[in-house]
Amino acid sequence: MGNEPVKPASGSAESLTKPGVPIRVILADSQSLYRVGIRKIFGSEDGIQLVAQPETLGHTLEAVVKFPADVLLFEAALSEEPAEAVAQVLERVPGLKVVLLIDQPLREEETVEFVRRGVRGIVSRSVPPELLVRCVRKVAAGEPWLDKRSVHWLAQAYRVQTRGSGPHSRMRLSEKEQTIVTLVTDGRRNKEIARELGTTEQVVKNYLRRIYERFGVADRLELAIYSLQHGLVKREVKPAEPPAKT
């Protein structure tokens, strides 16, 4: 990608583990009027703090390192290759949760590529303020923000990816593993899962690492999609609330 990885900003993506600490947001957008409008929206919300408003890709790459944040709202039009730009951001701050701001609906292949590069939410720049706020809160809490069409595309992509892989890729889950998979698919965080199982977050992380390796997925979102696609959950799981049509 042409740039050496930079040490992640201290404290990035940790605020949600501490009660009373606001969700820190970076808004990367090229239009000053849009940035002003979003600043007013977040300024009236309890528990959300706008920490930086870069207006170019270069400034964004600097801001994510300089300002510890939980969520990056990133305008797709900031880069000619926005998927590559997202990857550059996550090289610098791997724990940052990226929400892509779009003007036009994405094609199927674009949606799949963005999610594979690390995008955790896709939302229209014209979305109503209350939905944008809800999106930020959901993504900060570790849940995806994707509409039903996008989830369907992702499920199709993973079905193709796993087709023909044989029974060994669907090894039987233990009772505890199945519970963890179900809770992850339900949008629960490691702390909540550990509390429900009566164990520690580190034990949950260890289980998840082994499950990721077993099913060939990279993170919680991929695991959730794979689990729904292959019937690995113990009960019906409600999908994350979709945003307005993009």
Protein backbone atom coordinates (compact mmCIF):
# COMPACT_ATOMS: atom_id res chain seq x y z
CA MET A 1 0.00 0.00 0.00
CA GLY A 2 3.06 2.18 -0.17
CA ASN A 3 3.14 3.36 3.47
CA GLU A 4 4.68 1.83 6.55
CA PRO A 5 2.10 1.03 9.22
CA VAL A 6 1.94 3.63 11.98
CA LYS A 7 1.55 2.69 15.63
CA PRO A 8 -2.16 2.92 16.49
CA ALA A 9 -3.31 5.95 18.41
CA SER A 10 -3.26 5.32 22.14
CA GLY A 11 -6.63 4.28 23.51
CA SER A 12 -8.27 3.79 20.12
CA ALA A 13 -11.48 1.75 20.14
CA GLU A 14 -11.37 1.33 23.93
CA SER A 15 -13.85 3.93 25.15
CA LEU A 16 -16.88 1.63 24.96
CA THR A 17 -15.42 -0.61 27.63
CA LYS A 18 -15.57 2.28 30.11
CA PRO A 19 -18.98 3.51 31.28
CA GLY A 20 -19.53 7.23 30.87
CA VAL A 21 -16.87 7.69 28.19
CA PRO A 22 -18.31 9.11 24.94
CA ILE A 23 -18.08 7.46 21.54
CA ARG A 24 -15.31 9.32 19.73
CA VAL A 25 -15.99 9.99 16.05
CA ILE A 26 -13.85 11.25 13.18
CA LEU A 27 -15.80 12.67 10.24
CA ALA A 28 -13.84 12.58 6.99
CA ASP A 29 -15.79 14.47 4.35
CA SER A 30 -14.90 16.92 1.59
CA GLN A 31 -17.91 19.25 1.94
CA SER A 32 -17.72 21.90 4.65
CA LEU A 33 -21.51 22.34 4.87
CA TYR A 34 -21.96 18.63 5.48
CA ARG A 35 -19.31 18.67 8.19
CA VAL A 36 -20.99 21.64 9.88
CA GLY A 37 -24.34 19.87 9.80
CA ILE A 38 -22.97 16.65 11.28
CA ARG A 39 -21.12 18.61 13.95
CA LYS A 40 -24.42 20.16 15.04
CA ILE A 41 -26.15 16.78 15.07
CA PHE A 42 -23.50 15.14 17.23
CA GLY A 43 -23.20 18.24 19.39
CA SER A 44 -26.77 17.71 20.56
CA GLU A 45 -26.26 14.02 21.33
CA ASP A 46 -25.18 12.70 24.71
CA GLY A 47 -22.36 10.19 24.54
CA ILE A 48 -20.96 11.12 21.12
CA GLN A 49 -17.91 13.34 20.66
CA LEU A 50 -16.64 14.57 17.28
CA VAL A 51 -12.86 14.68 17.65
CA ALA A 52 -11.69 15.54 14.12
CA GLN A 53 -13.07 16.61 10.72
CA PRO A 54 -10.47 15.96 8.00
CA GLU A 55 -11.45 16.99 4.48
CA THR A 56 -8.92 15.01 2.41
CA LEU A 57 -7.59 11.46 2.42
CA GLY A 58 -4.15 12.66 3.48
CA HIS A 59 -5.58 14.58 6.42
CA THR A 60 -7.70 11.55 7.32
CA LEU A 61 -4.66 9.26 7.49
CA GLU A 62 -3.02 11.79 9.80
CA ALA A 63 -6.13 12.32 11.93
CA VAL A 64 -6.81 8.65 12.70
CA VAL A 65 -3.33 8.38 14.21
CA LYS A 66 -3.36 11.72 16.00
CA PHE A 67 -6.87 11.57 17.48
CA PRO A 68 -7.94 8.38 19.32
CA ALA A 69 -11.39 7.45 18.01
CA ASP A 70 -13.90 4.62 17.97
CA VAL A 71 -15.70 5.29 14.67
CA LEU A 72 -14.59 6.85 11.39
CA LEU A 73 -17.28 8.22 9.09
CA PHE A 74 -15.49 8.16 5.74
CA GLU A 75 -16.81 9.72 2.54
CA ALA A 76 -16.22 7.29 -0.33
CA ALA A 77 -15.57 10.19 -2.73
CA LEU A 78 -12.46 11.25 -0.76
CA SER A 79 -10.46 8.71 -2.73
CA GLU A 80 -10.50 7.37 -6.28
CA GLU A 81 -9.96 3.95 -4.69
CA PRO A 82 -11.96 4.12 -1.46
CA ALA A 83 -11.58 0.41 -0.61
CA GLU A 84 -7.81 0.83 -0.72
CA ALA A 85 -8.12 3.99 1.37
CA VAL A 86 -10.06 2.08 4.03
CA ALA A 87 -7.30 -0.54 4.10
CA GLN A 88 -4.71 2.22 4.59
CA VAL A 89 -6.70 3.62 7.51
CA LEU A 90 -6.96 0.23 9.17
CA GLU A 91 -3.25 -0.39 8.72
CA ARG A 92 -2.69 2.58 10.98
CA VAL A 93 -5.47 1.94 13.50
CA PRO A 94 -6.68 -1.68 13.25
CA GLY A 95 -9.33 -1.29 15.93
CA LEU A 96 -11.09 1.65 14.29
CA LYS A 97 -14.62 0.93 13.06
CA VAL A 98 -15.20 2.42 9.61
CA VAL A 99 -18.59 3.56 8.29
CA LEU A 100 -18.64 4.43 4.59
CA LEU A 101 -20.63 7.50 3.55
CA ILE A 102 -21.99 7.19 0.01
CA ASP A 103 -23.92 9.38 -2.43
CA GLN A 104 -25.05 6.60 -4.77
CA PRO A 105 -26.04 2.98 -4.07
CA LEU A 106 -23.15 0.55 -4.32
CA ARG A 107 -22.99 -2.40 -6.69
CA GLU A 108 -22.76 -5.91 -5.30
CA GLU A 109 -19.06 -6.36 -5.96
CA GLU A 110 -18.29 -2.99 -4.39
CA THR A 111 -20.23 -3.83 -1.24
CA VAL A 112 -18.48 -7.17 -0.81
CA GLU A 113 -15.07 -5.60 -1.37
CA PHE A 114 -15.65 -2.82 1.15
CA VAL A 115 -16.72 -5.26 3.85
CA ARG A 116 -13.77 -7.53 3.13
CA ARG A 117 -11.49 -4.51 3.49
CA GLY A 118 -12.92 -3.76 6.93
CA VAL A 119 -15.94 -1.47 6.49
CA ARG A 120 -18.50 -2.12 9.22
CA GLY A 121 -21.28 0.14 8.05
CA ILE A 122 -22.53 1.68 4.81
CA VAL A 123 -24.86 4.66 4.94
CA SER A 124 -26.11 7.36 2.59
CA ARG A 125 -24.85 10.89 3.21
CA SER A 126 -28.50 11.98 2.98
CA VAL A 127 -29.69 9.65 5.74
CA PRO A 128 -31.90 11.30 8.41
CA PRO A 129 -29.90 12.51 11.45
CA GLU A 130 -31.51 10.08 13.88
CA LEU A 131 -30.50 7.11 11.71
CA LEU A 132 -26.93 8.35 11.39
CA VAL A 133 -26.72 8.64 15.18
CA ARG A 134 -28.16 5.14 15.56
CA CYS A 135 -25.67 3.86 13.00
CA VAL A 136 -22.74 5.32 14.95
CA ARG A 137 -23.96 3.83 18.21
CA LYS A 138 -24.56 0.40 16.68
CA VAL A 139 -21.21 0.24 14.90
CA ALA A 140 -19.36 1.51 17.96
CA ALA A 141 -20.99 -1.31 19.93
CA GLY A 142 -19.57 -3.85 17.49
CA GLU A 143 -22.63 -4.40 15.33
CA PRO A 144 -22.71 -4.06 11.53
CA TRP A 145 -24.90 -1.43 9.86
CA LEU A 146 -25.87 -2.89 6.51
CA ASP A 147 -29.17 -3.03 4.68
CA LYS A 148 -30.82 -6.34 3.81
CA ARG A 149 -29.62 -6.23 0.23
CA SER A 150 -26.00 -5.86 1.34
CA VAL A 151 -26.29 -8.70 3.84
CA HIS A 152 -27.76 -10.89 1.09
CA TRP A 153 -24.84 -10.08 -1.23
CA LEU A 154 -22.35 -10.91 1.50
CA ALA A 155 -24.07 -14.18 2.29
CA GLN A 156 -23.94 -15.10 -1.40
CA ALA A 157 -20.24 -14.23 -1.57
CA TYR A 158 -19.43 -16.42 1.43
CA ARG A 159 -21.56 -19.25 0.06
CA VAL A 160 -19.47 -19.23 -3.12
CA GLN A 161 -16.29 -19.00 -1.07
CA THR A 162 -17.17 -22.06 1.03
CA ARG A 163 -18.79 -24.13 -1.75
CA GLY A 164 -16.97 -27.35 -2.34
CA SER A 165 -14.84 -26.94 0.76
CA GLY A 166 -16.10 -30.24 2.13
CA PRO A 167 -17.47 -31.33 5.50
CA HIS A 168 -14.19 -30.61 7.31
CA SER A 169 -14.92 -26.87 7.18
CA ARG A 170 -18.11 -27.38 9.17
CA MET A 171 -16.69 -29.25 12.13
CA ARG A 172 -19.11 -29.84 14.98
CA LEU A 173 -19.16 -27.03 17.54
CA SER A 174 -19.06 -27.73 21.25
CA GLU A 175 -21.92 -26.42 23.38
CA LYS A 176 -19.84 -23.47 24.57
CA GLU A 177 -18.57 -22.67 21.06
CA GLN A 178 -22.10 -22.73 19.70
CA THR A 179 -23.25 -20.39 22.46
CA ILE A 180 -20.41 -17.98 21.68
CA VAL A 181 -21.19 -18.08 17.95
CA THR A 182 -24.86 -17.39 18.67
CA LEU A 183 -24.09 -14.44 20.95
CA VAL A 184 -21.60 -12.96 18.48
CA THR A 185 -24.21 -13.24 15.73
CA ASP A 186 -26.64 -11.50 18.07
CA GLY A 187 -24.26 -8.53 18.26
CA ARG A 188 -23.00 -9.17 21.81
CA ARG A 189 -19.56 -7.95 22.87
CA ASN A 190 -16.88 -10.10 24.47
CA LYS A 191 -17.54 -8.63 27.91
CA GLU A 192 -21.24 -9.50 27.68
CA ILE A 193 -20.49 -13.00 26.38
CA ALA A 194 -18.01 -13.61 29.20
CA ARG A 195 -20.54 -12.46 31.78
CA GLU A 196 -23.23 -14.78 30.40
CA LEU A 197 -20.86 -17.75 30.32
CA GLY A 198 -19.33 -16.99 33.70
CA THR A 199 -15.82 -16.72 32.30
CA THR A 200 -13.30 -14.03 31.28
CA GLU A 201 -12.99 -11.91 28.14
CA GLN A 202 -9.63 -13.52 27.41
CA VAL A 203 -11.20 -16.99 27.37
CA VAL A 204 -13.87 -15.73 24.95
CA LYS A 205 -11.16 -14.21 22.72
CA ASN A 206 -9.29 -17.52 22.69
CA TYR A 207 -12.44 -19.39 21.66
CA LEU A 208 -13.16 -16.85 18.93
CA ARG A 209 -9.65 -17.08 17.53
CA ARG A 210 -9.97 -20.84 17.17
CA ILE A 211 -13.45 -20.52 15.64
CA TYR A 212 -12.21 -17.93 13.12
CA GLU A 213 -9.44 -20.28 12.04
CA ARG A 214 -11.79 -23.24 11.82
CA PHE A 215 -14.26 -21.55 9.48
CA GLY A 216 -11.80 -19.38 7.58
CA VAL A 217 -13.33 -16.04 8.59
CA ALA A 218 -11.49 -12.90 9.60
CA ASP A 219 -13.71 -11.22 12.18
CA ARG A 220 -17.06 -11.05 13.98
CA LEU A 221 -19.03 -9.82 10.97
CA GLU A 222 -17.77 -12.61 8.73
CA LEU A 223 -18.46 -15.15 11.47
CA ALA A 224 -22.01 -13.84 11.90
CA ILE A 225 -22.73 -14.06 8.17
CA TYR A 226 -21.17 -17.52 7.91
CA SER A 227 -23.12 -18.73 10.95
CA LEU A 228 -26.46 -17.52 9.62
CA GLN A 229 -25.70 -19.00 6.22
CA HIS A 230 -24.80 -22.42 7.63
CA GLY A 231 -27.29 -22.66 10.49
CA LEU A 232 -24.72 -22.59 13.28
CA VAL A 233 -26.74 -20.48 15.72
CA LYS A 234 -28.71 -22.09 18.55
CA ARG A 235 -31.77 -19.92 18.08
CA GLU A 236 -33.17 -17.37 15.68
CA VAL A 237 -31.06 -14.22 15.80
CA LYS A 238 -32.50 -10.84 14.98
CA PRO A 239 -30.40 -9.04 12.34
CA ALA A 240 -29.00 -5.60 13.07
CA GLU A 241 -31.46 -2.81 12.35
CA PRO A 242 -30.94 -1.74 8.74
CA PRO A 243 -30.53 1.91 7.83
CA ALA A 244 -32.79 3.68 5.39
CA LYS A 245 -32.40 2.65 1.78
CA THR A 246 -29.13 3.95 0.34
